[in-house]
Amino acid sequence: MLPSAEAVPDARRRVIAVVRRWQLPLSEDTLGDVELLSSELITNAVTHAEAAFAVCVRWNGARLRVEVTDTDEQMPALGEAGTEATEGRGLFLVEALSSDWGVERDLAGKRVWFEVGSTAGADERLAARVRAAVPIVRVGHLPATA
């Protein structure tokens, strides 16, 4: 897809449509997380990479994986969003709400992905949402690659 603001909701809807069509054992809450996290990765590709991107959805029997590949070679990293920031928390959400996530170089540029499982409990999900919503002060920074 080409980078544009209109591409984000369209790509997000396609991801959810595919997952629903597969009738995977995922709760509505988990599907909501998939929608949110897909939107975050796609938005990053459109906003930061400003490059064409592709979305891939996979199911391995236990986890759903969503990958967003773009042609920009700049690797994303967790930022430091202040308490008043209106952006910059996307990867914190991905880290908090996914079972796993990462960034890797690709022949096209880079691939950013997340995975969700079908067994996350309500208490774990609530704790993850709270962690994602609370601003975090970090000393130093994390490596750009996972």
C-alpha atoms as a PDB file:
ATOM      1  CA  MET A   1       0.000   0.000   0.000  1.00  0.00           C
ATOM      2  CA  LEU A   2       1.063   3.553  -0.511  1.00  0.00           C
ATOM      3  CA  PRO A   3       1.585   5.770   2.544  1.00  0.00           C
ATOM      4  CA  SER A   4      -1.446   7.941   3.258  1.00  0.00           C
ATOM      5  CA  ALA A   5      -3.718   8.677   6.190  1.00  0.00           C
ATOM      6  CA  GLU A   6      -6.523   6.851   4.358  1.00  0.00           C
ATOM      7  CA  ALA A   7      -4.423   3.683   4.132  1.00  0.00           C
ATOM      8  CA  VAL A   8      -4.372   3.196   7.929  1.00  0.00           C
ATOM      9  CA  PRO A   9      -8.071   2.462   8.587  1.00  0.00           C
ATOM     10  CA  ASP A  10      -8.371   0.482   5.357  1.00  0.00           C
ATOM     11  CA  ALA A  11      -5.404  -1.766   6.210  1.00  0.00           C
ATOM     12  CA  ARG A  12      -6.585  -2.149   9.815  1.00  0.00           C
ATOM     13  CA  ARG A  13     -10.061  -3.226   8.631  1.00  0.00           C
ATOM     14  CA  ARG A  14      -8.489  -5.753   6.258  1.00  0.00           C
ATOM     15  CA  VAL A  15      -6.434  -7.294   9.073  1.00  0.00           C
ATOM     16  CA  ILE A  16      -9.502  -7.696  11.288  1.00  0.00           C
ATOM     17  CA  ALA A  17     -11.599  -9.026   8.393  1.00  0.00           C
ATOM     18  CA  VAL A  18      -8.996 -11.723   7.681  1.00  0.00           C
ATOM     19  CA  VAL A  19      -8.728 -12.714  11.341  1.00  0.00           C
ATOM     20  CA  ARG A  20     -12.530 -12.896  11.738  1.00  0.00           C
ATOM     21  CA  ARG A  21     -12.842 -14.940   8.548  1.00  0.00           C
ATOM     22  CA  TRP A  22     -10.337 -17.444   9.977  1.00  0.00           C
ATOM     23  CA  GLN A  23     -12.566 -17.798  13.084  1.00  0.00           C
ATOM     24  CA  LEU A  24      -9.572 -17.993  15.400  1.00  0.00           C
ATOM     25  CA  PRO A  25     -10.003 -18.698  19.130  1.00  0.00           C
ATOM     26  CA  LEU A  26      -9.420 -15.053  20.081  1.00  0.00           C
ATOM     27  CA  SER A  27     -11.619 -13.053  22.452  1.00  0.00           C
ATOM     28  CA  GLU A  28     -13.235  -9.788  21.407  1.00  0.00           C
ATOM     29  CA  ASP A  29     -10.771  -7.997  23.710  1.00  0.00           C
ATOM     30  CA  THR A  30      -7.850  -9.638  21.925  1.00  0.00           C
ATOM     31  CA  LEU A  31      -9.343  -8.720  18.549  1.00  0.00           C
ATOM     32  CA  GLY A  32      -9.591  -5.138  19.809  1.00  0.00           C
ATOM     33  CA  ASP A  33      -5.910  -5.272  20.704  1.00  0.00           C
ATOM     34  CA  VAL A  34      -5.064  -6.664  17.261  1.00  0.00           C
ATOM     35  CA  GLU A  35      -6.951  -3.771  15.692  1.00  0.00           C
ATOM     36  CA  LEU A  36      -5.209  -1.182  17.890  1.00  0.00           C
ATOM     37  CA  LEU A  37      -1.726  -2.642  17.488  1.00  0.00           C
ATOM     38  CA  SER A  38      -2.143  -3.083  13.731  1.00  0.00           C
ATOM     39  CA  SER A  39      -3.175   0.536  13.528  1.00  0.00           C
ATOM     40  CA  GLU A  40      -0.096   1.604  15.514  1.00  0.00           C
ATOM     41  CA  LEU A  41       2.349  -0.265  13.272  1.00  0.00           C
ATOM     42  CA  ILE A  42       0.634   0.857  10.068  1.00  0.00           C
ATOM     43  CA  THR A  43       0.505   4.455  11.301  1.00  0.00           C
ATOM     44  CA  ASN A  44       4.239   4.297  12.071  1.00  0.00           C
ATOM     45  CA  ALA A  45       4.940   3.071   8.535  1.00  0.00           C
ATOM     46  CA  VAL A  46       2.853   5.891   7.057  1.00  0.00           C
ATOM     47  CA  THR A  47       4.043   8.653   9.393  1.00  0.00           C
ATOM     48  CA  HIS A  48       7.691   7.877  10.009  1.00  0.00           C
ATOM     49  CA  ALA A  49       8.765   5.800   7.044  1.00  0.00           C
ATOM     50  CA  GLU A  50       6.650   7.690   4.507  1.00  0.00           C
ATOM     51  CA  ALA A  51       7.151   4.683   2.258  1.00  0.00           C
ATOM     52  CA  ALA A  52       5.118   1.947   0.625  1.00  0.00           C
ATOM     53  CA  PHE A  53       4.258  -0.851   3.052  1.00  0.00           C
ATOM     54  CA  ALA A  54       2.799  -4.358   3.167  1.00  0.00           C
ATOM     55  CA  VAL A  55       0.890  -6.111   5.942  1.00  0.00           C
ATOM     56  CA  CYS A  56       1.088  -9.875   6.554  1.00  0.00           C
ATOM     57  CA  VAL A  57      -1.122 -11.822   8.975  1.00  0.00           C
ATOM     58  CA  ARG A  58      -0.152 -15.335  10.161  1.00  0.00           C
ATOM     59  CA  TRP A  59      -1.589 -17.903  12.589  1.00  0.00           C
ATOM     60  CA  ASN A  60       0.628 -20.679  13.962  1.00  0.00           C
ATOM     61  CA  GLY A  61      -2.036 -22.491  15.960  1.00  0.00           C
ATOM     62  CA  ALA A  62      -1.277 -20.649  19.196  1.00  0.00           C
ATOM     63  CA  ARG A  63      -0.432 -17.070  18.246  1.00  0.00           C
ATOM     64  CA  LEU A  64      -1.535 -14.523  15.700  1.00  0.00           C
ATOM     65  CA  ARG A  65       1.305 -12.526  14.143  1.00  0.00           C
ATOM     66  CA  VAL A  66       0.875  -9.239  12.264  1.00  0.00           C
ATOM     67  CA  GLU A  67       3.860  -7.905  10.322  1.00  0.00           C
ATOM     68  CA  VAL A  68       4.201  -4.505   8.674  1.00  0.00           C
ATOM     69  CA  THR A  69       7.053  -4.260   6.179  1.00  0.00           C
ATOM     70  CA  ASP A  70       8.108  -0.953   4.650  1.00  0.00           C
ATOM     71  CA  THR A  71      10.941   0.249   2.450  1.00  0.00           C
ATOM     72  CA  ASP A  72      12.468   2.633   4.996  1.00  0.00           C
ATOM     73  CA  GLU A  73      15.659   1.302   6.587  1.00  0.00           C
ATOM     74  CA  GLN A  74      15.363   3.488   9.719  1.00  0.00           C
ATOM     75  CA  MET A  75      14.700   1.136  12.633  1.00  0.00           C
ATOM     76  CA  PRO A  76      12.087   2.284  15.162  1.00  0.00           C
ATOM     77  CA  ALA A  77      12.811   2.290  18.883  1.00  0.00           C
ATOM     78  CA  LEU A  78      10.835   2.891  22.035  1.00  0.00           C
ATOM     79  CA  GLY A  79      10.763   6.639  22.605  1.00  0.00           C
ATOM     80  CA  GLU A  80      10.329   8.741  25.674  1.00  0.00           C
ATOM     81  CA  ALA A  81       6.869  10.301  25.599  1.00  0.00           C
ATOM     82  CA  GLY A  82       6.255  12.977  28.196  1.00  0.00           C
ATOM     83  CA  THR A  83       3.118  13.132  30.313  1.00  0.00           C
ATOM     84  CA  GLU A  84       1.550  15.735  27.994  1.00  0.00           C
ATOM     85  CA  ALA A  85       2.588  14.059  24.729  1.00  0.00           C
ATOM     86  CA  THR A  86      -0.175  13.238  22.255  1.00  0.00           C
ATOM     87  CA  GLU A  87       2.022  10.829  20.308  1.00  0.00           C
ATOM     88  CA  GLY A  88       5.084   8.669  20.823  1.00  0.00           C
ATOM     89  CA  ARG A  89       3.465   5.893  22.857  1.00  0.00           C
ATOM     90  CA  GLY A  90       2.654   3.517  19.991  1.00  0.00           C
ATOM     91  CA  LEU A  91       5.489   1.072  20.571  1.00  0.00           C
ATOM     92  CA  PHE A  92       4.827   1.185  24.325  1.00  0.00           C
ATOM     93  CA  LEU A  93       1.301  -0.015  23.540  1.00  0.00           C
ATOM     94  CA  VAL A  94       2.682  -2.710  21.261  1.00  0.00           C
ATOM     95  CA  GLU A  95       5.086  -3.834  23.988  1.00  0.00           C
ATOM     96  CA  ALA A  96       2.405  -3.796  26.691  1.00  0.00           C
ATOM     97  CA  LEU A  97      -0.459  -5.469  24.832  1.00  0.00           C
ATOM     98  CA  SER A  98       1.310  -8.056  22.705  1.00  0.00           C
ATOM     99  CA  SER A  99       2.693 -11.424  23.717  1.00  0.00           C
ATOM    100  CA  ASP A 100       5.853 -10.550  21.797  1.00  0.00           C
ATOM    101  CA  TRP A 101       7.017  -8.011  19.233  1.00  0.00           C
ATOM    102  CA  GLY A 102      10.120  -7.025  17.353  1.00  0.00           C
ATOM    103  CA  VAL A 103      11.858  -5.237  14.531  1.00  0.00           C
ATOM    104  CA  GLU A 104      14.081  -6.835  11.921  1.00  0.00           C
ATOM    105  CA  ARG A 105      15.784  -5.810   8.745  1.00  0.00           C
ATOM    106  CA  ASP A 106      14.173  -7.029   5.545  1.00  0.00           C
ATOM    107  CA  LEU A 107      15.310  -7.055   1.929  1.00  0.00           C
ATOM    108  CA  ALA A 108      12.748  -4.313   1.312  1.00  0.00           C
ATOM    109  CA  GLY A 109      13.774  -2.245   4.365  1.00  0.00           C
ATOM    110  CA  LYS A 110      12.406  -3.367   7.740  1.00  0.00           C
ATOM    111  CA  ARG A 111       9.675  -5.474   9.278  1.00  0.00           C
ATOM    112  CA  VAL A 112       7.924  -4.569  12.539  1.00  0.00           C
ATOM    113  CA  TRP A 113       5.707  -7.266  14.036  1.00  0.00           C
ATOM    114  CA  PHE A 114       3.665  -8.261  17.040  1.00  0.00           C
ATOM    115  CA  GLU A 115       2.063 -11.470  18.254  1.00  0.00           C
ATOM    116  CA  VAL A 116      -0.967 -12.081  20.454  1.00  0.00           C
ATOM    117  CA  GLY A 117      -2.007 -15.372  21.987  1.00  0.00           C
ATOM    118  CA  SER A 118      -5.425 -16.779  22.611  1.00  0.00           C
ATOM    119  CA  THR A 119      -4.969 -17.299  26.369  1.00  0.00           C
ATOM    120  CA  ALA A 120      -4.287 -13.879  27.901  1.00  0.00           C
ATOM    121  CA  GLY A 121      -6.323 -13.489  31.095  1.00  0.00           C
ATOM    122  CA  ALA A 122      -8.395 -10.431  31.955  1.00  0.00           C
ATOM    123  CA  ASP A 123      -6.130  -9.460  34.880  1.00  0.00           C
ATOM    124  CA  GLU A 124      -3.014  -9.606  32.676  1.00  0.00           C
ATOM    125  CA  ARG A 125      -4.751  -7.511  30.013  1.00  0.00           C
ATOM    126  CA  LEU A 126      -5.878  -4.879  32.533  1.00  0.00           C
ATOM    127  CA  ALA A 127      -2.378  -4.640  33.999  1.00  0.00           C
ATOM    128  CA  ALA A 128      -0.914  -4.288  30.501  1.00  0.00           C
ATOM    129  CA  ARG A 129      -3.345  -1.499  29.617  1.00  0.00           C
ATOM    130  CA  VAL A 130      -2.513   0.374  32.817  1.00  0.00           C
ATOM    131  CA  ARG A 131       1.232   0.036  32.140  1.00  0.00           C
ATOM    132  CA  ALA A 132       0.696   1.354  28.600  1.00  0.00           C
ATOM    133  CA  ALA A 133      -1.339   4.342  29.808  1.00  0.00           C
ATOM    134  CA  VAL A 134       1.046   5.439  32.569  1.00  0.00           C
ATOM    135  CA  PRO A 135       3.954   7.568  31.360  1.00  0.00           C
ATOM    136  CA  ILE A 136       7.317   5.925  31.867  1.00  0.00           C
ATOM    137  CA  VAL A 137      10.506   7.808  32.618  1.00  0.00           C
ATOM    138  CA  ARG A 138      13.483   5.980  31.128  1.00  0.00           C
ATOM    139  CA  VAL A 139      17.133   6.566  31.813  1.00  0.00           C
ATOM    140  CA  GLY A 140      19.115   5.646  28.717  1.00  0.00           C
ATOM    141  CA  HIS A 141      17.438   3.881  25.846  1.00  0.00           C
ATOM    142  CA  LEU A 142      16.795   0.450  24.481  1.00  0.00           C
ATOM    143  CA  PRO A 143      18.649  -0.951  21.472  1.00  0.00           C
ATOM    144  CA  ALA A 144      16.874  -0.321  18.171  1.00  0.00           C
ATOM    145  CA  THR A 145      16.846  -3.998  17.231  1.00  0.00           C
ATOM    146  CA  ALA A 146      15.027  -6.792  18.990  1.00  0.00           C
END
